[in-house]
Amino acid sequence: MSTMNISLPEALKTFVDLQVSQRGYGTSSEYVRELIRKDQDRLQLRELLLSGASSSPTAPVSATYFDGLRDRVHQAIRTHSPR
């Protein structure tokens, strides 16, 4: 794992230390890594939304489509759930 040093104003350092202690992180690095992962997820979702918004419209979906989608999700949950 690589190391990165950052400088924070005292108020931000205090905030980070408080989050670490109140939210159960072992270190400030764990907290920062989680923030970065969440930002990555947010950017990926943004790209997907922009891609969808710029795509061509499709035919309207019916209740049957959503029933099938719901069935596939339930099947995936059953398949990947620990027993």
PDB file of N, CA and C in Angstrom:
ATOM      1  N   MET A   1       0.852  -1.169   0.000  1.00  0.00           N
ATOM      2  CA  MET A   1       0.000   0.000   0.000  1.00  0.00           C
ATOM      3  C   MET A   1       0.895   1.229   0.000  1.00  0.00           C
ATOM      4  N   SER A   2       0.530   2.219  -0.774  1.00  0.00           N
ATOM      5  CA  SER A   2       1.284   3.468  -0.830  1.00  0.00           C
ATOM      6  C   SER A   2       0.893   4.382   0.317  1.00  0.00           C
ATOM      7  N   THR A   3       1.764   5.318   0.609  1.00  0.00           N
ATOM      8  CA  THR A   3       1.520   6.292   1.659  1.00  0.00           C
ATOM      9  C   THR A   3       1.383   7.668   1.050  1.00  0.00           C
ATOM     10  N   MET A   4       0.450   8.448   1.606  1.00  0.00           N
ATOM     11  CA  MET A   4       0.250   9.823   1.170  1.00  0.00           C
ATOM     12  C   MET A   4       0.089  10.678   2.421  1.00  0.00           C
ATOM     13  N   ASN A   5       0.847  11.727   2.508  1.00  0.00           N
ATOM     14  CA  ASN A   5       0.719  12.641   3.638  1.00  0.00           C
ATOM     15  C   ASN A   5      -0.083  13.854   3.203  1.00  0.00           C
ATOM     16  N   ILE A   6      -1.001  14.300   4.058  1.00  0.00           N
ATOM     17  CA  ILE A   6      -1.784  15.488   3.743  1.00  0.00           C
ATOM     18  C   ILE A   6      -1.705  16.453   4.924  1.00  0.00           C
ATOM     19  N   SER A   7      -1.841  17.722   4.611  1.00  0.00           N
ATOM     20  CA  SER A   7      -1.875  18.751   5.646  1.00  0.00           C
ATOM     21  C   SER A   7      -3.296  19.251   5.767  1.00  0.00           C
ATOM     22  N   LEU A   8      -3.758  19.372   7.009  1.00  0.00           N
ATOM     23  CA  LEU A   8      -5.110  19.845   7.272  1.00  0.00           C
ATOM     24  C   LEU A   8      -5.063  20.990   8.263  1.00  0.00           C
ATOM     25  N   PRO A   9      -5.956  21.955   8.098  1.00  0.00           N
ATOM     26  CA  PRO A   9      -6.089  22.950   9.158  1.00  0.00           C
ATOM     27  C   PRO A   9      -6.554  22.248  10.433  1.00  0.00           C
ATOM     28  N   GLU A  10      -6.269  22.830  11.556  1.00  0.00           N
ATOM     29  CA  GLU A  10      -6.589  22.206  12.843  1.00  0.00           C
ATOM     30  C   GLU A  10      -8.066  21.837  12.950  1.00  0.00           C
ATOM     31  N   ALA A  11      -8.953  22.688  12.435  1.00  0.00           N
ATOM     32  CA  ALA A  11     -10.391  22.419  12.526  1.00  0.00           C
ATOM     33  C   ALA A  11     -10.760  21.147  11.757  1.00  0.00           C
ATOM     34  N   LEU A  12     -10.168  20.941  10.592  1.00  0.00           N
ATOM     35  CA  LEU A  12     -10.458  19.723   9.830  1.00  0.00           C
ATOM     36  C   LEU A  12      -9.863  18.498  10.506  1.00  0.00           C
ATOM     37  N   LYS A  13      -8.660  18.625  11.044  1.00  0.00           N
ATOM     38  CA  LYS A  13      -8.053  17.503  11.753  1.00  0.00           C
ATOM     39  C   LYS A  13      -8.917  17.108  12.951  1.00  0.00           C
ATOM     40  N   THR A  14      -9.413  18.084  13.674  1.00  0.00           N
ATOM     41  CA  THR A  14     -10.288  17.810  14.810  1.00  0.00           C
ATOM     42  C   THR A  14     -11.547  17.091  14.352  1.00  0.00           C
ATOM     43  N   PHE A  15     -12.110  17.541  13.236  1.00  0.00           N
ATOM     44  CA  PHE A  15     -13.306  16.896  12.686  1.00  0.00           C
ATOM     45  C   PHE A  15     -13.014  15.449  12.329  1.00  0.00           C
ATOM     46  N   VAL A  16     -11.912  15.203  11.637  1.00  0.00           N
ATOM     47  CA  VAL A  16     -11.540  13.833  11.249  1.00  0.00           C
ATOM     48  C   VAL A  16     -11.348  12.971  12.494  1.00  0.00           C
ATOM     49  N   ASP A  17     -10.625  13.478  13.472  1.00  0.00           N
ATOM     50  CA  ASP A  17     -10.397  12.714  14.706  1.00  0.00           C
ATOM     51  C   ASP A  17     -11.721  12.373  15.393  1.00  0.00           C
ATOM     52  N   LEU A  18     -12.658  13.303  15.384  1.00  0.00           N
ATOM     53  CA  LEU A  18     -13.969  13.062  15.983  1.00  0.00           C
ATOM     54  C   LEU A  18     -14.728  11.976  15.226  1.00  0.00           C
ATOM     55  N   GLN A  19     -14.676  12.019  13.893  1.00  0.00           N
ATOM     56  CA  GLN A  19     -15.348  11.001  13.088  1.00  0.00           C
ATOM     57  C   GLN A  19     -14.746   9.625  13.346  1.00  0.00           C
ATOM     58  N   VAL A  20     -13.434   9.576  13.455  1.00  0.00           N
ATOM     59  CA  VAL A  20     -12.751   8.304  13.709  1.00  0.00           C
ATOM     60  C   VAL A  20     -13.211   7.719  15.038  1.00  0.00           C
ATOM     61  N   SER A  21     -13.258   8.550  16.066  1.00  0.00           N
ATOM     62  CA  SER A  21     -13.616   8.025  17.385  1.00  0.00           C
ATOM     63  C   SER A  21     -15.108   7.721  17.509  1.00  0.00           C
ATOM     64  N   GLN A  22     -15.958   8.541  16.911  1.00  0.00           N
ATOM     65  CA  GLN A  22     -17.400   8.344  17.062  1.00  0.00           C
ATOM     66  C   GLN A  22     -17.971   7.297  16.121  1.00  0.00           C
ATOM     67  N   ARG A  23     -17.338   7.077  15.000  1.00  0.00           N
ATOM     68  CA  ARG A  23     -17.916   6.181  14.002  1.00  0.00           C
ATOM     69  C   ARG A  23     -17.186   4.852  13.894  1.00  0.00           C
ATOM     70  N   GLY A  24     -16.260   4.599  14.787  1.00  0.00           N
ATOM     71  CA  GLY A  24     -15.656   3.281  14.877  1.00  0.00           C
ATOM     72  C   GLY A  24     -14.534   2.982  13.891  1.00  0.00           C
ATOM     73  N   TYR A  25     -13.931   3.991  13.327  1.00  0.00           N
ATOM     74  CA  TYR A  25     -12.778   3.751  12.459  1.00  0.00           C
ATOM     75  C   TYR A  25     -11.560   3.487  13.320  1.00  0.00           C
ATOM     76  N   GLY A  26     -10.660   2.656  12.838  1.00  0.00           N
ATOM     77  CA  GLY A  26      -9.444   2.377  13.581  1.00  0.00           C
ATOM     78  C   GLY A  26      -8.435   3.502  13.472  1.00  0.00           C
ATOM     79  N   THR A  27      -8.406   4.129  12.300  1.00  0.00           N
ATOM     80  CA  THR A  27      -7.436   5.203  12.056  1.00  0.00           C
ATOM     81  C   THR A  27      -8.062   6.254  11.157  1.00  0.00           C
ATOM     82  N   SER A  28      -7.409   7.399  11.101  1.00  0.00           N
ATOM     83  CA  SER A  28      -7.879   8.448  10.184  1.00  0.00           C
ATOM     84  C   SER A  28      -7.715   7.994   8.738  1.00  0.00           C
ATOM     85  N   SER A  29      -6.751   7.133   8.470  1.00  0.00           N
ATOM     86  CA  SER A  29      -6.570   6.618   7.107  1.00  0.00           C
ATOM     87  C   SER A  29      -7.782   5.812   6.655  1.00  0.00           C
ATOM     88  N   GLU A  30      -8.347   5.003   7.562  1.00  0.00           N
ATOM     89  CA  GLU A  30      -9.552   4.245   7.210  1.00  0.00           C
ATOM     90  C   GLU A  30     -10.690   5.178   6.849  1.00  0.00           C
ATOM     91  N   TYR A  31     -10.851   6.251   7.612  1.00  0.00           N
ATOM     92  CA  TYR A  31     -11.901   7.227   7.345  1.00  0.00           C
ATOM     93  C   TYR A  31     -11.699   7.885   5.977  1.00  0.00           C
ATOM     94  N   VAL A  32     -10.492   8.310   5.693  1.00  0.00           N
ATOM     95  CA  VAL A  32     -10.205   8.972   4.412  1.00  0.00           C
ATOM     96  C   VAL A  32     -10.389   7.995   3.260  1.00  0.00           C
ATOM     97  N   ARG A  33      -9.957   6.745   3.425  1.00  0.00           N
ATOM     98  CA  ARG A  33     -10.152   5.752   2.357  1.00  0.00           C
ATOM     99  C   ARG A  33     -11.632   5.562   2.059  1.00  0.00           C
ATOM    100  N   GLU A  34     -12.465   5.521   3.107  1.00  0.00           N
ATOM    101  CA  GLU A  34     -13.902   5.370   2.874  1.00  0.00           C
ATOM    102  C   GLU A  34     -14.474   6.581   2.133  1.00  0.00           C
ATOM    103  N   LEU A  35     -14.038   7.773   2.489  1.00  0.00           N
ATOM    104  CA  LEU A  35     -14.501   8.973   1.780  1.00  0.00           C
ATOM    105  C   LEU A  35     -14.124   8.922   0.304  1.00  0.00           C
ATOM    106  N   ILE A  36     -12.919   8.470   0.023  1.00  0.00           N
ATOM    107  CA  ILE A  36     -12.465   8.377  -1.368  1.00  0.00           C
ATOM    108  C   ILE A  36     -13.282   7.333  -2.121  1.00  0.00           C
ATOM    109  N   ARG A  37     -13.525   6.168  -1.507  1.00  0.00           N
ATOM    110  CA  ARG A  37     -14.335   5.134  -2.168  1.00  0.00           C
ATOM    111  C   ARG A  37     -15.744   5.647  -2.454  1.00  0.00           C
ATOM    112  N   LYS A  38     -16.330   6.368  -1.497  1.00  0.00           N
ATOM    113  CA  LYS A  38     -17.667   6.918  -1.711  1.00  0.00           C
ATOM    114  C   LYS A  38     -17.664   7.935  -2.843  1.00  0.00           C
ATOM    115  N   ASP A  39     -16.614   8.717  -2.949  1.00  0.00           N
ATOM    116  CA  ASP A  39     -16.524   9.685  -4.038  1.00  0.00           C
ATOM    117  C   ASP A  39     -16.374   8.967  -5.376  1.00  0.00           C
ATOM    118  N   GLN A  40     -15.602   7.889  -5.406  1.00  0.00           N
ATOM    119  CA  GLN A  40     -15.483   7.083  -6.625  1.00  0.00           C
ATOM    120  C   GLN A  40     -16.850   6.538  -7.040  1.00  0.00           C
ATOM    121  N   ASP A  41     -17.596   6.010  -6.067  1.00  0.00           N
ATOM    122  CA  ASP A  41     -18.939   5.490  -6.347  1.00  0.00           C
ATOM    123  C   ASP A  41     -19.842   6.592  -6.894  1.00  0.00           C
ATOM    124  N   ARG A  42     -19.774   7.775  -6.282  1.00  0.00           N
ATOM    125  CA  ARG A  42     -20.598   8.907  -6.718  1.00  0.00           C
ATOM    126  C   ARG A  42     -20.266   9.300  -8.155  1.00  0.00           C
ATOM    127  N   LEU A  43     -18.973   9.338  -8.477  1.00  0.00           N
ATOM    128  CA  LEU A  43     -18.568   9.692  -9.843  1.00  0.00           C
ATOM    129  C   LEU A  43     -19.004   8.629 -10.850  1.00  0.00           C
ATOM    130  N   GLN A  44     -18.918   7.360 -10.459  1.00  0.00           N
ATOM    131  CA  GLN A  44     -19.357   6.284 -11.349  1.00  0.00           C
ATOM    132  C   GLN A  44     -20.858   6.376 -11.586  1.00  0.00           C
ATOM    133  N   LEU A  45     -21.622   6.621 -10.533  1.00  0.00           N
ATOM    134  CA  LEU A  45     -23.063   6.779 -10.686  1.00  0.00           C
ATOM    135  C   LEU A  45     -23.384   7.970 -11.579  1.00  0.00           C
ATOM    136  N   ARG A  46     -22.671   9.060 -11.410  1.00  0.00           N
ATOM    137  CA  ARG A  46     -22.888  10.254 -12.243  1.00  0.00           C
ATOM    138  C   ARG A  46     -22.664   9.924 -13.722  1.00  0.00           C
ATOM    139  N   GLU A  47     -21.580   9.202 -14.004  1.00  0.00           N
ATOM    140  CA  GLU A  47     -21.296   8.816 -15.389  1.00  0.00           C
ATOM    141  C   GLU A  47     -22.404   7.928 -15.952  1.00  0.00           C
ATOM    142  N   LEU A  48     -22.877   6.982 -15.156  1.00  0.00           N
ATOM    143  CA  LEU A  48     -23.961   6.109 -15.612  1.00  0.00           C
ATOM    144  C   LEU A  48     -25.233   6.906 -15.881  1.00  0.00           C
ATOM    145  N   LEU A  49     -25.542   7.850 -14.989  1.00  0.00           N
ATOM    146  CA  LEU A  49     -26.738   8.676 -15.174  1.00  0.00           C
ATOM    147  C   LEU A  49     -26.617   9.547 -16.423  1.00  0.00           C
ATOM    148  N   LEU A  50     -25.443  10.141 -16.623  1.00  0.00           N
ATOM    149  CA  LEU A  50     -25.241  10.968 -17.816  1.00  0.00           C
ATOM    150  C   LEU A  50     -25.312  10.128 -19.084  1.00  0.00           C
ATOM    151  N   SER A  51     -24.754   8.926 -19.023  1.00  0.00           N
ATOM    152  CA  SER A  51     -24.819   8.027 -20.170  1.00  0.00           C
ATOM    153  C   SER A  51     -26.260   7.653 -20.480  1.00  0.00           C
ATOM    154  N   GLY A  52     -27.013   7.331 -19.444  1.00  0.00           N
ATOM    155  CA  GLY A  52     -28.419   6.995 -19.636  1.00  0.00           C
ATOM    156  C   GLY A  52     -29.224   8.161 -20.155  1.00  0.00           C
ATOM    157  N   ALA A  53     -28.940   9.356 -19.644  1.00  0.00           N
ATOM    158  CA  ALA A  53     -29.679  10.543 -20.072  1.00  0.00           C
ATOM    159  C   ALA A  53     -29.403  10.885 -21.528  1.00  0.00           C
ATOM    160  N   SER A  54     -28.216  10.548 -22.014  1.00  0.00           N
ATOM    161  CA  SER A  54     -27.887  10.879 -23.394  1.00  0.00           C
ATOM    162  C   SER A  54     -28.184   9.732 -24.365  1.00  0.00           C
ATOM    163  N   SER A  55     -28.667   8.610 -23.866  1.00  0.00           N
ATOM    164  CA  SER A  55     -28.962   7.476 -24.739  1.00  0.00           C
ATOM    165  C   SER A  55     -30.327   7.661 -25.398  1.00  0.00           C
ATOM    166  N   SER A  56     -30.543   6.890 -26.413  1.00  0.00           N
ATOM    167  CA  SER A  56     -31.814   6.946 -27.132  1.00  0.00           C
ATOM    168  C   SER A  56     -32.933   6.365 -26.282  1.00  0.00           C
ATOM    169  N   PRO A  57     -34.116   6.921 -26.384  1.00  0.00           N
ATOM    170  CA  PRO A  57     -35.248   6.360 -25.638  1.00  0.00           C
ATOM    171  C   PRO A  57     -35.557   4.938 -26.115  1.00  0.00           C
ATOM    172  N   THR A  58     -36.095   4.149 -25.218  1.00  0.00           N
ATOM    173  CA  THR A  58     -36.502   2.794 -25.561  1.00  0.00           C
ATOM    174  C   THR A  58     -38.017   2.697 -25.462  1.00  0.00           C
ATOM    175  N   ALA A  59     -38.515   1.548 -25.814  1.00  0.00           N
ATOM    176  CA  ALA A  59     -39.959   1.332 -25.724  1.00  0.00           C
ATOM    177  C   ALA A  59     -40.376   1.356 -24.256  1.00  0.00           C
ATOM    178  N   PRO A  60     -41.571   1.815 -23.964  1.00  0.00           N
ATOM    179  CA  PRO A  60     -42.045   1.810 -22.578  1.00  0.00           C
ATOM    180  C   PRO A  60     -42.054   0.383 -22.021  1.00  0.00           C
ATOM    181  N   VAL A  61     -41.818   0.279 -20.728  1.00  0.00           N
ATOM    182  CA  VAL A  61     -41.828  -1.034 -20.087  1.00  0.00           C
ATOM    183  C   VAL A  61     -43.168  -1.263 -19.410  1.00  0.00           C
ATOM    184  N   SER A  62     -43.483  -2.530 -19.242  1.00  0.00           N
ATOM    185  CA  SER A  62     -44.778  -2.891 -18.674  1.00  0.00           C
ATOM    186  C   SER A  62     -44.588  -3.489 -17.282  1.00  0.00           C
ATOM    187  N   ALA A  63     -45.687  -3.788 -16.642  1.00  0.00           N
ATOM    188  CA  ALA A  63     -45.646  -4.440 -15.336  1.00  0.00           C
ATOM    189  C   ALA A  63     -44.955  -5.792 -15.446  1.00  0.00           C
ATOM    190  N   THR A  64     -45.108  -6.470 -16.575  1.00  0.00           N
ATOM    191  CA  THR A  64     -44.461  -7.759 -16.788  1.00  0.00           C
ATOM    192  C   THR A  64     -42.943  -7.619 -16.732  1.00  0.00           C
ATOM    193  N   TYR A  65     -42.425  -6.551 -17.314  1.00  0.00           N
ATOM    194  CA  TYR A  65     -40.983  -6.302 -17.276  1.00  0.00           C
ATOM    195  C   TYR A  65     -40.509  -6.194 -15.819  1.00  0.00           C
ATOM    196  N   PHE A  66     -41.229  -5.402 -15.018  1.00  0.00           N
ATOM    197  CA  PHE A  66     -40.824  -5.216 -13.631  1.00  0.00           C
ATOM    198  C   PHE A  66     -40.992  -6.484 -12.815  1.00  0.00           C
ATOM    199  N   ASP A  67     -41.995  -7.289 -13.111  1.00  0.00           N
ATOM    200  CA  ASP A  67     -42.151  -8.581 -12.437  1.00  0.00           C
ATOM    201  C   ASP A  67     -40.949  -9.473 -12.717  1.00  0.00           C
ATOM    202  N   GLY A  68     -40.526  -9.511 -13.971  1.00  0.00           N
ATOM    203  CA  GLY A  68     -39.356 -10.311 -14.346  1.00  0.00           C
ATOM    204  C   GLY A  68     -38.086  -9.778 -13.703  1.00  0.00           C
ATOM    205  N   LEU A  69     -37.945  -8.467 -13.655  1.00  0.00           N
ATOM    206  CA  LEU A  69     -36.778  -7.859 -13.023  1.00  0.00           C
ATOM    207  C   LEU A  69     -36.751  -8.199 -11.537  1.00  0.00           C
ATOM    208  N   ARG A  70     -37.880  -8.101 -10.883  1.00  0.00           N
ATOM    209  CA  ARG A  70     -37.989  -8.435  -9.468  1.00  0.00           C
ATOM    210  C   ARG A  70     -37.618  -9.901  -9.240  1.00  0.00           C
ATOM    211  N   ASP A  71     -38.095 -10.783 -10.104  1.00  0.00           N
ATOM    212  CA  ASP A  71     -37.763 -12.207  -9.993  1.00  0.00           C
ATOM    213  C   ASP A  71     -36.264 -12.444 -10.138  1.00  0.00           C
ATOM    214  N   ARG A  72     -35.639 -11.756 -11.099  1.00  0.00           N
ATOM    215  CA  ARG A  72     -34.194 -11.922 -11.300  1.00  0.00           C
ATOM    216  C   ARG A  72     -33.409 -11.427 -10.081  1.00  0.00           C
ATOM    217  N   VAL A  73     -33.838 -10.334  -9.484  1.00  0.00           N
ATOM    218  CA  VAL A  73     -33.162  -9.816  -8.294  1.00  0.00           C
ATOM    219  C   VAL A  73     -33.305 -10.796  -7.142  1.00  0.00           C
ATOM    220  N   HIS A  74     -34.515 -11.301  -6.920  1.00  0.00           N
ATOM    221  CA  HIS A  74     -34.718 -12.271  -5.847  1.00  0.00           C
ATOM    222  C   HIS A  74     -33.884 -13.533  -6.073  1.00  0.00           C
ATOM    223  N   GLN A  75     -33.792 -13.975  -7.302  1.00  0.00           N
ATOM    224  CA  GLN A  75     -32.980 -15.151  -7.619  1.00  0.00           C
ATOM    225  C   GLN A  75     -31.504 -14.876  -7.347  1.00  0.00           C
ATOM    226  N   ALA A  76     -31.036 -13.703  -7.719  1.00  0.00           N
ATOM    227  CA  ALA A  76     -29.632 -13.344  -7.478  1.00  0.00           C
ATOM    228  C   ALA A  76     -29.343 -13.290  -5.988  1.00  0.00           C
ATOM    229  N   ILE A  77     -30.281 -12.777  -5.219  1.00  0.00           N
ATOM    230  CA  ILE A  77     -30.104 -12.708  -3.767  1.00  0.00           C
ATOM    231  C   ILE A  77     -30.023 -14.117  -3.183  1.00  0.00           C
ATOM    232  N   ARG A  78     -30.915 -14.992  -3.627  1.00  0.00           N
ATOM    233  CA  ARG A  78     -30.888 -16.372  -3.128  1.00  0.00           C
ATOM    234  C   ARG A  78     -29.587 -17.069  -3.514  1.00  0.00           C
ATOM    235  N   THR A  79     -29.110 -16.822  -4.711  1.00  0.00           N
ATOM    236  CA  THR A  79     -27.896 -17.473  -5.202  1.00  0.00           C
ATOM    237  C   THR A  79     -26.662 -16.995  -4.430  1.00  0.00           C
ATOM    238  N   HIS A  80     -26.619 -15.716  -4.079  1.00  0.00           N
ATOM    239  CA  HIS A  80     -25.419 -15.152  -3.464  1.00  0.00           C
ATOM    240  C   HIS A  80     -25.510 -15.015  -1.947  1.00  0.00           C
ATOM    241  N   SER A  81     -26.608 -15.417  -1.356  1.00  0.00           N
ATOM    242  CA  SER A  81     -26.752 -15.324   0.098  1.00  0.00           C
ATOM    243  C   SER A  81     -26.009 -16.449   0.781  1.00  0.00           C
ATOM    244  N   PRO A  82     -25.317 -16.106   1.909  1.00  0.00           N
ATOM    245  CA  PRO A  82     -24.667 -17.193   2.676  1.00  0.00           C
ATOM    246  C   PRO A  82     -25.718 -18.081   3.307  1.00  0.00           C
ATOM    247  N   ARG A  83     -25.434 -19.323   3.371  1.00  0.00           N
ATOM    248  CA  ARG A  83     -26.406 -20.283   3.917  1.00  0.00           C
ATOM    249  C   ARG A  83     -26.035 -20.705   5.295  1.00  0.00           C
TER     250      ARG A  83
END
